[in-house]
């Protein structure tokens, strides 16, 4: 099928130059570029970020470990903070 495209001059020159470097007609170069773009573009309704879902699942154990360490640290009571004389002096200020 024949069609007419409006392509900015700089892109046209770069495409024509690349096609020449590869020894193929501009028509073939453009066709291949469009095919690649169509293959890499997500289908309608898909979100591009979804392809990354689950990639960090190997870090779940580490996350659990870090959470446990944090919870243990927050469960510790600082005796100075709860000493009666310290609390009384804080309320007087």
PDB file of N, CA and C in Angstrom:
ATOM      1  N   UNK A   1       0.838  -1.169   0.000  1.00  0.00           N
ATOM      2  CA  UNK A   1       0.000   0.000   0.000  1.00  0.00           C
ATOM      3  C   UNK A   1       0.887   1.236   0.000  1.00  0.00           C
ATOM      4  N   UNK A   2       0.493   2.201  -0.742  1.00  0.00           N
ATOM      5  CA  UNK A   2       1.224   3.455  -0.782  1.00  0.00           C
ATOM      6  C   UNK A   2       0.515   4.470   0.097  1.00  0.00           C
ATOM      7  N   UNK A   3       1.326   5.290   0.760  1.00  0.00           N
ATOM      8  CA  UNK A   3       0.766   6.347   1.604  1.00  0.00           C
ATOM      9  C   UNK A   3       1.746   7.505   1.635  1.00  0.00           C
ATOM     10  N   UNK A   4       1.274   8.629   2.106  1.00  0.00           N
ATOM     11  CA  UNK A   4       2.123   9.803   2.241  1.00  0.00           C
ATOM     12  C   UNK A   4       2.245  10.127   3.718  1.00  0.00           C
ATOM     13  N   UNK A   5       3.472  10.323   4.153  1.00  0.00           N
ATOM     14  CA  UNK A   5       3.731  10.675   5.545  1.00  0.00           C
ATOM     15  C   UNK A   5       4.427  12.015   5.608  1.00  0.00           C
ATOM     16  N   UNK A   6       4.102  12.777   6.634  1.00  0.00           N
ATOM     17  CA  UNK A   6       4.840  14.007   6.882  1.00  0.00           C
ATOM     18  C   UNK A   6       5.795  13.724   8.023  1.00  0.00           C
ATOM     19  N   UNK A   7       7.078  13.758   7.709  1.00  0.00           N
ATOM     20  CA  UNK A   7       8.124  13.459   8.678  1.00  0.00           C
ATOM     21  C   UNK A   7       9.028  14.677   8.773  1.00  0.00           C
ATOM     22  N   UNK A   8       9.369  15.100   9.979  1.00  0.00           N
ATOM     23  CA  UNK A   8      10.295  16.233  10.095  1.00  0.00           C
ATOM     24  C   UNK A   8      11.583  15.961   9.313  1.00  0.00           C
ATOM     25  N   UNK A   9      12.138  16.993   8.715  1.00  0.00           N
ATOM     26  CA  UNK A   9      13.326  16.861   7.861  1.00  0.00           C
ATOM     27  C   UNK A   9      14.482  16.149   8.554  1.00  0.00           C
ATOM     28  N   UNK A  10      14.737  16.511   9.806  1.00  0.00           N
ATOM     29  CA  UNK A  10      15.879  15.908  10.498  1.00  0.00           C
ATOM     30  C   UNK A  10      15.681  14.397  10.677  1.00  0.00           C
ATOM     31  N   UNK A  11      14.476  13.977  11.013  1.00  0.00           N
ATOM     32  CA  UNK A  11      14.203  12.552  11.190  1.00  0.00           C
ATOM     33  C   UNK A  11      14.275  11.832   9.845  1.00  0.00           C
ATOM     34  N   UNK A  12      13.745  12.469   8.810  1.00  0.00           N
ATOM     35  CA  UNK A  12      13.786  11.873   7.470  1.00  0.00           C
ATOM     36  C   UNK A  12      15.237  11.639   7.038  1.00  0.00           C
ATOM     37  N   UNK A  13      16.087  12.652   7.236  1.00  0.00           N
ATOM     38  CA  UNK A  13      17.489  12.517   6.834  1.00  0.00           C
ATOM     39  C   UNK A  13      18.199  11.423   7.627  1.00  0.00           C
ATOM     40  N   UNK A  14      17.917  11.351   8.949  1.00  0.00           N
ATOM     41  CA  UNK A  14      18.530  10.309   9.766  1.00  0.00           C
ATOM     42  C   UNK A  14      18.058   8.925   9.330  1.00  0.00           C
ATOM     43  N   UNK A  15      16.767   8.789   9.057  1.00  0.00           N
ATOM     44  CA  UNK A  15      16.221   7.497   8.633  1.00  0.00           C
ATOM     45  C   UNK A  15      16.808   7.082   7.284  1.00  0.00           C
ATOM     46  N   UNK A  16      16.875   8.030   6.371  1.00  0.00           N
ATOM     47  CA  UNK A  16      17.414   7.731   5.035  1.00  0.00           C
ATOM     48  C   UNK A  16      18.887   7.329   5.130  1.00  0.00           C
ATOM     49  N   UNK A  17      19.626   8.014   6.011  1.00  0.00           N
ATOM     50  CA  UNK A  17      21.036   7.707   6.202  1.00  0.00           C
ATOM     51  C   UNK A  17      21.206   6.306   6.812  1.00  0.00           C
ATOM     52  N   UNK A  18      20.409   5.978   7.824  1.00  0.00           N
ATOM     53  CA  UNK A  18      20.481   4.648   8.452  1.00  0.00           C
ATOM     54  C   UNK A  18      20.126   3.551   7.458  1.00  0.00           C
ATOM     55  N   UNK A  19      19.106   3.801   6.648  1.00  0.00           N
ATOM     56  CA  UNK A  19      18.709   2.814   5.645  1.00  0.00           C
ATOM     57  C   UNK A  19      19.857   2.581   4.660  1.00  0.00           C
ATOM     58  N   UNK A  20      20.505   3.656   4.259  1.00  0.00           N
ATOM     59  CA  UNK A  20      21.630   3.537   3.335  1.00  0.00           C
ATOM     60  C   UNK A  20      22.782   2.768   3.975  1.00  0.00           C
ATOM     61  N   UNK A  21      23.049   3.033   5.262  1.00  0.00           N
ATOM     62  CA  UNK A  21      24.111   2.312   5.971  1.00  0.00           C
ATOM     63  C   UNK A  21      23.828   0.809   6.000  1.00  0.00           C
ATOM     64  N   UNK A  22      22.544   0.456   6.133  1.00  0.00           N
ATOM     65  CA  UNK A  22      22.151  -0.945   6.201  1.00  0.00           C
ATOM     66  C   UNK A  22      21.967  -1.561   4.815  1.00  0.00           C
ATOM     67  N   UNK A  23      22.021  -0.712   3.793  1.00  0.00           N
ATOM     68  CA  UNK A  23      21.880  -1.199   2.420  1.00  0.00           C
ATOM     69  C   UNK A  23      20.466  -1.622   2.074  1.00  0.00           C
ATOM     70  N   UNK A  24      19.481  -0.961   2.686  1.00  0.00           N
ATOM     71  CA  UNK A  24      18.079  -1.285   2.409  1.00  0.00           C
ATOM     72  C   UNK A  24      17.343  -0.024   1.979  1.00  0.00           C
ATOM     73  N   UNK A  25      16.250  -0.185   1.245  1.00  0.00           N
ATOM     74  CA  UNK A  25      15.478   1.001   0.836  1.00  0.00           C
ATOM     75  C   UNK A  25      14.819   1.657   2.058  1.00  0.00           C
ATOM     76  N   UNK A  26      14.576   2.939   1.971  1.00  0.00           N
ATOM     77  CA  UNK A  26      13.907   3.680   3.044  1.00  0.00           C
ATOM     78  C   UNK A  26      12.559   3.045   3.369  1.00  0.00           C
ATOM     79  N   UNK A  27      11.847   2.596   2.353  1.00  0.00           N
ATOM     80  CA  UNK A  27      10.538   1.947   2.532  1.00  0.00           C
ATOM     81  C   UNK A  27      10.662   0.763   3.494  1.00  0.00           C
ATOM     82  N   UNK A  28      11.672  -0.075   3.295  1.00  0.00           N
ATOM     83  CA  UNK A  28      11.882  -1.240   4.154  1.00  0.00           C
ATOM     84  C   UNK A  28      12.281  -0.809   5.573  1.00  0.00           C
ATOM     85  N   UNK A  29      13.133   0.199   5.664  1.00  0.00           N
ATOM     86  CA  UNK A  29      13.576   0.694   6.961  1.00  0.00           C
ATOM     87  C   UNK A  29      12.386   1.189   7.790  1.00  0.00           C
ATOM     88  N   UNK A  30      11.511   1.970   7.157  1.00  0.00           N
ATOM     89  CA  UNK A  30      10.334   2.505   7.846  1.00  0.00           C
ATOM     90  C   UNK A  30       9.388   1.372   8.246  1.00  0.00           C
ATOM     91  N   UNK A  31       9.199   0.418   7.356  1.00  0.00           N
ATOM     92  CA  UNK A  31       8.318  -0.723   7.649  1.00  0.00           C
ATOM     93  C   UNK A  31       8.835  -1.492   8.864  1.00  0.00           C
ATOM     94  N   UNK A  32      10.129  -1.762   8.892  1.00  0.00           N
ATOM     95  CA  UNK A  32      10.718  -2.491  10.016  1.00  0.00           C
ATOM     96  C   UNK A  32      10.611  -1.688  11.313  1.00  0.00           C
ATOM     97  N   UNK A  33      10.817  -0.382  11.229  1.00  0.00           N
ATOM     98  CA  UNK A  33      10.735   0.469  12.418  1.00  0.00           C
ATOM     99  C   UNK A  33       9.305   0.466  12.978  1.00  0.00           C
ATOM    100  N   UNK A  34       8.322   0.521  12.107  1.00  0.00           N
ATOM    101  CA  UNK A  34       6.926   0.497  12.549  1.00  0.00           C
ATOM    102  C   UNK A  34       6.597  -0.870  13.159  1.00  0.00           C
ATOM    103  N   UNK A  35       7.094  -1.945  12.566  1.00  0.00           N
ATOM    104  CA  UNK A  35       6.859  -3.281  13.115  1.00  0.00           C
ATOM    105  C   UNK A  35       7.435  -3.405  14.522  1.00  0.00           C
ATOM    106  N   UNK A  36       8.651  -2.910  14.716  1.00  0.00           N
ATOM    107  CA  UNK A  36       9.281  -2.959  16.037  1.00  0.00           C
ATOM    108  C   UNK A  36       8.462  -2.162  17.045  1.00  0.00           C
ATOM    109  N   UNK A  37       8.026  -0.993  16.631  1.00  0.00           N
ATOM    110  CA  UNK A  37       7.229  -0.149  17.528  1.00  0.00           C
ATOM    111  C   UNK A  37       5.915  -0.836  17.898  1.00  0.00           C
ATOM    112  N   UNK A  38       5.293  -1.483  16.958  1.00  0.00           N
ATOM    113  CA  UNK A  38       4.032  -2.172  17.230  1.00  0.00           C
ATOM    114  C   UNK A  38       4.232  -3.354  18.180  1.00  0.00           C
ATOM    115  N   UNK A  39       5.357  -4.017  18.080  1.00  0.00           N
ATOM    116  CA  UNK A  39       5.628  -5.166  18.954  1.00  0.00           C
ATOM    117  C   UNK A  39       5.912  -4.722  20.384  1.00  0.00           C
ATOM    118  N   UNK A  40       6.558  -3.581  20.551  1.00  0.00           N
ATOM    119  CA  UNK A  40       6.953  -3.131  21.884  1.00  0.00           C
ATOM    120  C   UNK A  40       5.893  -2.289  22.573  1.00  0.00           C
ATOM    121  N   UNK A  41       4.895  -1.825  21.849  1.00  0.00           N
ATOM    122  CA  UNK A  41       3.839  -1.018  22.443  1.00  0.00           C
ATOM    123  C   UNK A  41       2.833  -1.934  23.113  1.00  0.00           C
ATOM    124  N   UNK A  42       2.493  -1.667  24.388  1.00  0.00           N
ATOM    125  CA  UNK A  42       1.529  -2.525  25.073  1.00  0.00           C
ATOM    126  C   UNK A  42       0.150  -2.451  24.422  1.00  0.00           C
ATOM    127  N   UNK A  43      -0.571  -3.557  24.499  1.00  0.00           N
ATOM    128  CA  UNK A  43      -1.925  -3.599  23.947  1.00  0.00           C
ATOM    129  C   UNK A  43      -2.818  -2.661  24.730  1.00  0.00           C
ATOM    130  N   UNK A  44      -3.918  -2.276  24.134  1.00  0.00           N
ATOM    131  CA  UNK A  44      -4.855  -1.376  24.778  1.00  0.00           C
ATOM    132  C   UNK A  44      -5.314  -1.950  26.106  1.00  0.00           C
ATOM    133  N   UNK A  45      -5.334  -1.108  27.117  1.00  0.00           N
ATOM    134  CA  UNK A  45      -5.771  -1.542  28.427  1.00  0.00           C
ATOM    135  C   UNK A  45      -4.638  -2.019  29.318  1.00  0.00           C
ATOM    136  N   UNK A  46      -3.502  -2.354  28.752  1.00  0.00           N
ATOM    137  CA  UNK A  46      -2.370  -2.765  29.575  1.00  0.00           C
ATOM    138  C   UNK A  46      -1.594  -1.537  30.008  1.00  0.00           C
ATOM    139  N   UNK A  47      -1.093  -1.601  31.204  1.00  0.00           N
ATOM    140  CA  UNK A  47      -0.295  -0.498  31.724  1.00  0.00           C
ATOM    141  C   UNK A  47       1.177  -0.874  31.579  1.00  0.00           C
ATOM    142  N   UNK A  48       2.002   0.015  31.036  1.00  0.00           N
ATOM    143  CA  UNK A  48       3.409  -0.317  30.799  1.00  0.00           C
ATOM    144  C   UNK A  48       4.142  -0.745  32.066  1.00  0.00           C
ATOM    145  N   UNK A  49       3.780  -0.190  33.210  1.00  0.00           N
ATOM    146  CA  UNK A  49       4.480  -0.529  34.445  1.00  0.00           C
ATOM    147  C   UNK A  49       4.153  -1.935  34.917  1.00  0.00           C
ATOM    148  N   UNK A  50       3.092  -2.546  34.408  1.00  0.00           N
ATOM    149  CA  UNK A  50       2.701  -3.882  34.847  1.00  0.00           C
ATOM    150  C   UNK A  50       3.757  -4.939  34.490  1.00  0.00           C
ATOM    151  N   UNK A  51       4.547  -4.696  33.468  1.00  0.00           N
ATOM    152  CA  UNK A  51       5.547  -5.681  33.081  1.00  0.00           C
ATOM    153  C   UNK A  51       6.625  -5.831  34.150  1.00  0.00           C
ATOM    154  N   UNK A  52       6.692  -4.878  35.081  1.00  0.00           N
ATOM    155  CA  UNK A  52       7.690  -4.934  36.145  1.00  0.00           C
ATOM    156  C   UNK A  52       7.148  -5.564  37.430  1.00  0.00           C
ATOM    157  N   UNK A  53       5.875  -5.884  37.456  1.00  0.00           N
ATOM    158  CA  UNK A  53       5.279  -6.465  38.652  1.00  0.00           C
ATOM    159  C   UNK A  53       5.936  -7.812  38.971  1.00  0.00           C
ATOM    160  N   UNK A  54       6.273  -7.992  40.224  1.00  0.00           N
ATOM    161  CA  UNK A  54       6.851  -9.253  40.659  1.00  0.00           C
ATOM    162  C   UNK A  54       8.349  -9.362  40.487  1.00  0.00           C
ATOM    163  N   UNK A  55       8.979  -8.359  39.934  1.00  0.00           N
ATOM    164  CA  UNK A  55      10.422  -8.440  39.689  1.00  0.00           C
ATOM    165  C   UNK A  55      11.236  -8.371  40.980  1.00  0.00           C
ATOM    166  N   UNK A  56      10.642  -7.860  42.059  1.00  0.00           N
ATOM    167  CA  UNK A  56      11.367  -7.744  43.318  1.00  0.00           C
ATOM    168  C   UNK A  56      10.926  -8.784  44.340  1.00  0.00           C
ATOM    169  N   UNK A  57      10.248  -9.829  43.881  1.00  0.00           N
ATOM    170  CA  UNK A  57       9.726 -10.822  44.813  1.00  0.00           C
ATOM    171  C   UNK A  57      10.825 -11.522  45.595  1.00  0.00           C
ATOM    172  N   UNK A  58      12.027 -11.558  45.056  1.00  0.00           N
ATOM    173  CA  UNK A  58      13.129 -12.190  45.771  1.00  0.00           C
ATOM    174  C   UNK A  58      13.569 -11.371  46.983  1.00  0.00           C
ATOM    175  N   UNK A  59      13.068 -10.143  47.107  1.00  0.00           N
ATOM    176  CA  UNK A  59      13.415  -9.302  48.250  1.00  0.00           C
ATOM    177  C   UNK A  59      12.402  -9.411  49.384  1.00  0.00           C
ATOM    178  N   UNK A  60      11.388 -10.246  49.235  1.00  0.00           N
ATOM    179  CA  UNK A  60      10.359 -10.364  50.274  1.00  0.00           C
ATOM    180  C   UNK A  60      10.944 -10.815  51.604  1.00  0.00           C
ATOM    181  N   UNK A  61      11.823 -11.804  51.587  1.00  0.00           N
ATOM    182  CA  UNK A  61      12.429 -12.295  52.829  1.00  0.00           C
ATOM    183  C   UNK A  61      13.227 -11.190  53.512  1.00  0.00           C
ATOM    184  N   UNK A  62      13.942 -10.414  52.729  1.00  0.00           N
ATOM    185  CA  UNK A  62      14.729  -9.310  53.287  1.00  0.00           C
ATOM    186  C   UNK A  62      13.806  -8.254  53.882  1.00  0.00           C
ATOM    187  N   UNK A  63      12.697  -7.984  53.231  1.00  0.00           N
ATOM    188  CA  UNK A  63      11.731  -7.017  53.748  1.00  0.00           C
ATOM    189  C   UNK A  63      11.153  -7.494  55.075  1.00  0.00           C
ATOM    190  N   UNK A  64      10.830  -8.768  55.162  1.00  0.00           N
ATOM    191  CA  UNK A  64      10.318  -9.338  56.417  1.00  0.00           C
ATOM    192  C   UNK A  64      11.361  -9.212  57.508  1.00  0.00           C
ATOM    193  N   UNK A  65      12.604  -9.498  57.200  1.00  0.00           N
ATOM    194  CA  UNK A  65      13.687  -9.405  58.179  1.00  0.00           C
ATOM    195  C   UNK A  65      13.846  -7.972  58.684  1.00  0.00           C
ATOM    196  N   UNK A  66      13.845  -7.013  57.781  1.00  0.00           N
ATOM    197  CA  UNK A  66      14.005  -5.605  58.156  1.00  0.00           C
ATOM    198  C   UNK A  66      12.819  -5.142  59.001  1.00  0.00           C
ATOM    199  N   UNK A  67      11.622  -5.531  58.624  1.00  0.00           N
ATOM    200  CA  UNK A  67      10.429  -5.165  59.381  1.00  0.00           C
ATOM    201  C   UNK A  67      10.511  -5.713  60.796  1.00  0.00           C
ATOM    202  N   UNK A  68      10.982  -6.940  60.947  1.00  0.00           N
ATOM    203  CA  UNK A  68      11.117  -7.563  62.271  1.00  0.00           C
ATOM    204  C   UNK A  68      12.111  -6.782  63.124  1.00  0.00           C
ATOM    205  N   UNK A  69      13.235  -6.398  62.545  1.00  0.00           N
ATOM    206  CA  UNK A  69      14.246  -5.634  63.276  1.00  0.00           C
ATOM    207  C   UNK A  69      13.665  -4.298  63.739  1.00  0.00           C
ATOM    208  N   UNK A  70      12.919  -3.641  62.871  1.00  0.00           N
ATOM    209  CA  UNK A  70      12.309  -2.354  63.221  1.00  0.00           C
ATOM    210  C   UNK A  70      11.293  -2.525  64.340  1.00  0.00           C
ATOM    211  N   UNK A  71      10.440  -3.536  64.230  1.00  0.00           N
ATOM    212  CA  UNK A  71       9.433  -3.782  65.262  1.00  0.00           C
ATOM    213  C   UNK A  71      10.088  -4.079  66.606  1.00  0.00           C
ATOM    214  N   UNK A  72      11.142  -4.875  66.609  1.00  0.00           N
ATOM    215  CA  UNK A  72      11.852  -5.184  67.853  1.00  0.00           C
ATOM    216  C   UNK A  72      12.453  -3.923  68.458  1.00  0.00           C
ATOM    217  N   UNK A  73      13.005  -3.047  67.632  1.00  0.00           N
ATOM    218  CA  UNK A  73      13.602  -1.811  68.138  1.00  0.00           C
ATOM    219  C   UNK A  73      12.538  -0.909  68.759  1.00  0.00           C
ATOM    220  N   UNK A  74      11.356  -0.848  68.184  1.00  0.00           N
ATOM    221  CA  UNK A  74      10.301   0.001  68.709  1.00  0.00           C
ATOM    222  C   UNK A  74       9.644  -0.597  69.953  1.00  0.00           C
ATOM    223  N   UNK A  75       9.797  -1.886  70.165  1.00  0.00           N
ATOM    224  CA  UNK A  75       9.222  -2.524  71.346  1.00  0.00           C
ATOM    225  C   UNK A  75      10.081  -2.309  72.582  1.00  0.00           C
ATOM    226  N   UNK A  76      11.334  -1.964  72.391  1.00  0.00           N
ATOM    227  CA  UNK A  76      12.218  -1.715  73.526  1.00  0.00           C
ATOM    228  C   UNK A  76      11.800  -0.428  74.223  1.00  0.00           C
ATOM    229  N   UNK A  77      11.778  -0.480  75.533  1.00  0.00           N
ATOM    230  CA  UNK A  77      11.412   0.687  76.329  1.00  0.00           C
ATOM    231  C   UNK A  77      12.687   1.364  76.798  1.00  0.00           C
ATOM    232  N   UNK A  78      12.742   2.652  76.611  1.00  0.00           N
ATOM    233  CA  UNK A  78      13.871   3.431  77.088  1.00  0.00           C
ATOM    234  C   UNK A  78      13.597   3.787  78.547  1.00  0.00           C
ATOM    235  N   UNK A  79      14.336   3.198  79.481  1.00  0.00           N
ATOM    236  CA  UNK A  79      14.053   3.423  80.905  1.00  0.00           C
ATOM    237  C   UNK A  79      14.102   4.899  81.296  1.00  0.00           C
ATOM    238  N   UNK A  80      15.000   5.656  80.711  1.00  0.00           N
ATOM    239  CA  UNK A  80      15.098   7.075  81.049  1.00  0.00           C
ATOM    240  C   UNK A  80      13.831   7.833  80.665  1.00  0.00           C
ATOM    241  N   UNK A  81      13.235   7.430  79.602  1.00  0.00           N
ATOM    242  CA  UNK A  81      12.042   8.123  79.134  1.00  0.00           C
ATOM    243  C   UNK A  81      10.867   7.907  80.080  1.00  0.00           C
ATOM    244  N   UNK A  82      10.837   6.768  80.748  1.00  0.00           N
ATOM    245  CA  UNK A  82       9.704   6.439  81.605  1.00  0.00           C
ATOM    246  C   UNK A  82      10.023   6.582  83.095  1.00  0.00           C
ATOM    247  N   UNK A  83      11.185   7.072  83.429  1.00  0.00           N
ATOM    248  CA  UNK A  83      11.527   7.284  84.833  1.00  0.00           C
ATOM    249  C   UNK A  83      10.656   8.415  85.390  1.00  0.00           C
ATOM    250  N   UNK A  84      10.113   8.247  86.592  1.00  0.00           N
ATOM    251  CA  UNK A  84       9.208   9.265  87.153  1.00  0.00           C
ATOM    252  C   UNK A  84       9.835  10.641  87.245  1.00  0.00           C
ATOM    253  N   UNK A  85      11.085  10.739  87.661  1.00  0.00           N
ATOM    254  CA  UNK A  85      11.683  12.071  87.793  1.00  0.00           C
ATOM    255  C   UNK A  85      11.871  12.750  86.431  1.00  0.00           C
ATOM    256  N   UNK A  86      12.149  12.006  85.383  1.00  0.00           N
ATOM    257  CA  UNK A  86      12.307  12.571  84.049  1.00  0.00           C
ATOM    258  C   UNK A  86      10.965  13.102  83.547  1.00  0.00           C
ATOM    259  N   UNK A  87       9.925  12.355  83.750  1.00  0.00           N
ATOM    260  CA  UNK A  87       8.587  12.781  83.282  1.00  0.00           C
ATOM    261  C   UNK A  87       8.123  14.004  84.067  1.00  0.00           C
ATOM    262  N   UNK A  88       8.436  14.061  85.336  1.00  0.00           N
ATOM    263  CA  UNK A  88       8.010  15.198  86.143  1.00  0.00           C
ATOM    264  C   UNK A  88       8.735  16.456  85.705  1.00  0.00           C
ATOM    265  N   UNK A  89      10.019  16.347  85.396  1.00  0.00           N
ATOM    266  CA  UNK A  89      10.772  17.530  84.984  1.00  0.00           C
ATOM    267  C   UNK A  89      10.343  18.020  83.613  1.00  0.00           C
ATOM    268  N   UNK A  90       9.912  17.092  82.756  1.00  0.00           N
ATOM    269  CA  UNK A  90       9.439  17.489  81.419  1.00  0.00           C
ATOM    270  C   UNK A  90       8.142  18.273  81.505  1.00  0.00           C
ATOM    271  N   UNK A  91       7.261  17.906  82.433  1.00  0.00           N
ATOM    272  CA  UNK A  91       5.978  18.600  82.555  1.00  0.00           C
ATOM    273  C   UNK A  91       6.135  19.965  83.175  1.00  0.00           C
ATOM    274  N   UNK A  92       7.198  20.192  83.952  1.00  0.00           N
ATOM    275  CA  UNK A  92       7.412  21.495  84.593  1.00  0.00           C
ATOM    276  C   UNK A  92       7.956  22.503  83.619  1.00  0.00           C
ATOM    277  N   UNK A  93       8.592  22.083  82.528  1.00  0.00           N
ATOM    278  CA  UNK A  93       9.199  23.023  81.569  1.00  0.00           C
ATOM    279  C   UNK A  93       8.184  23.696  80.753  1.00  0.00           C
TER     280      UNK A  93
END
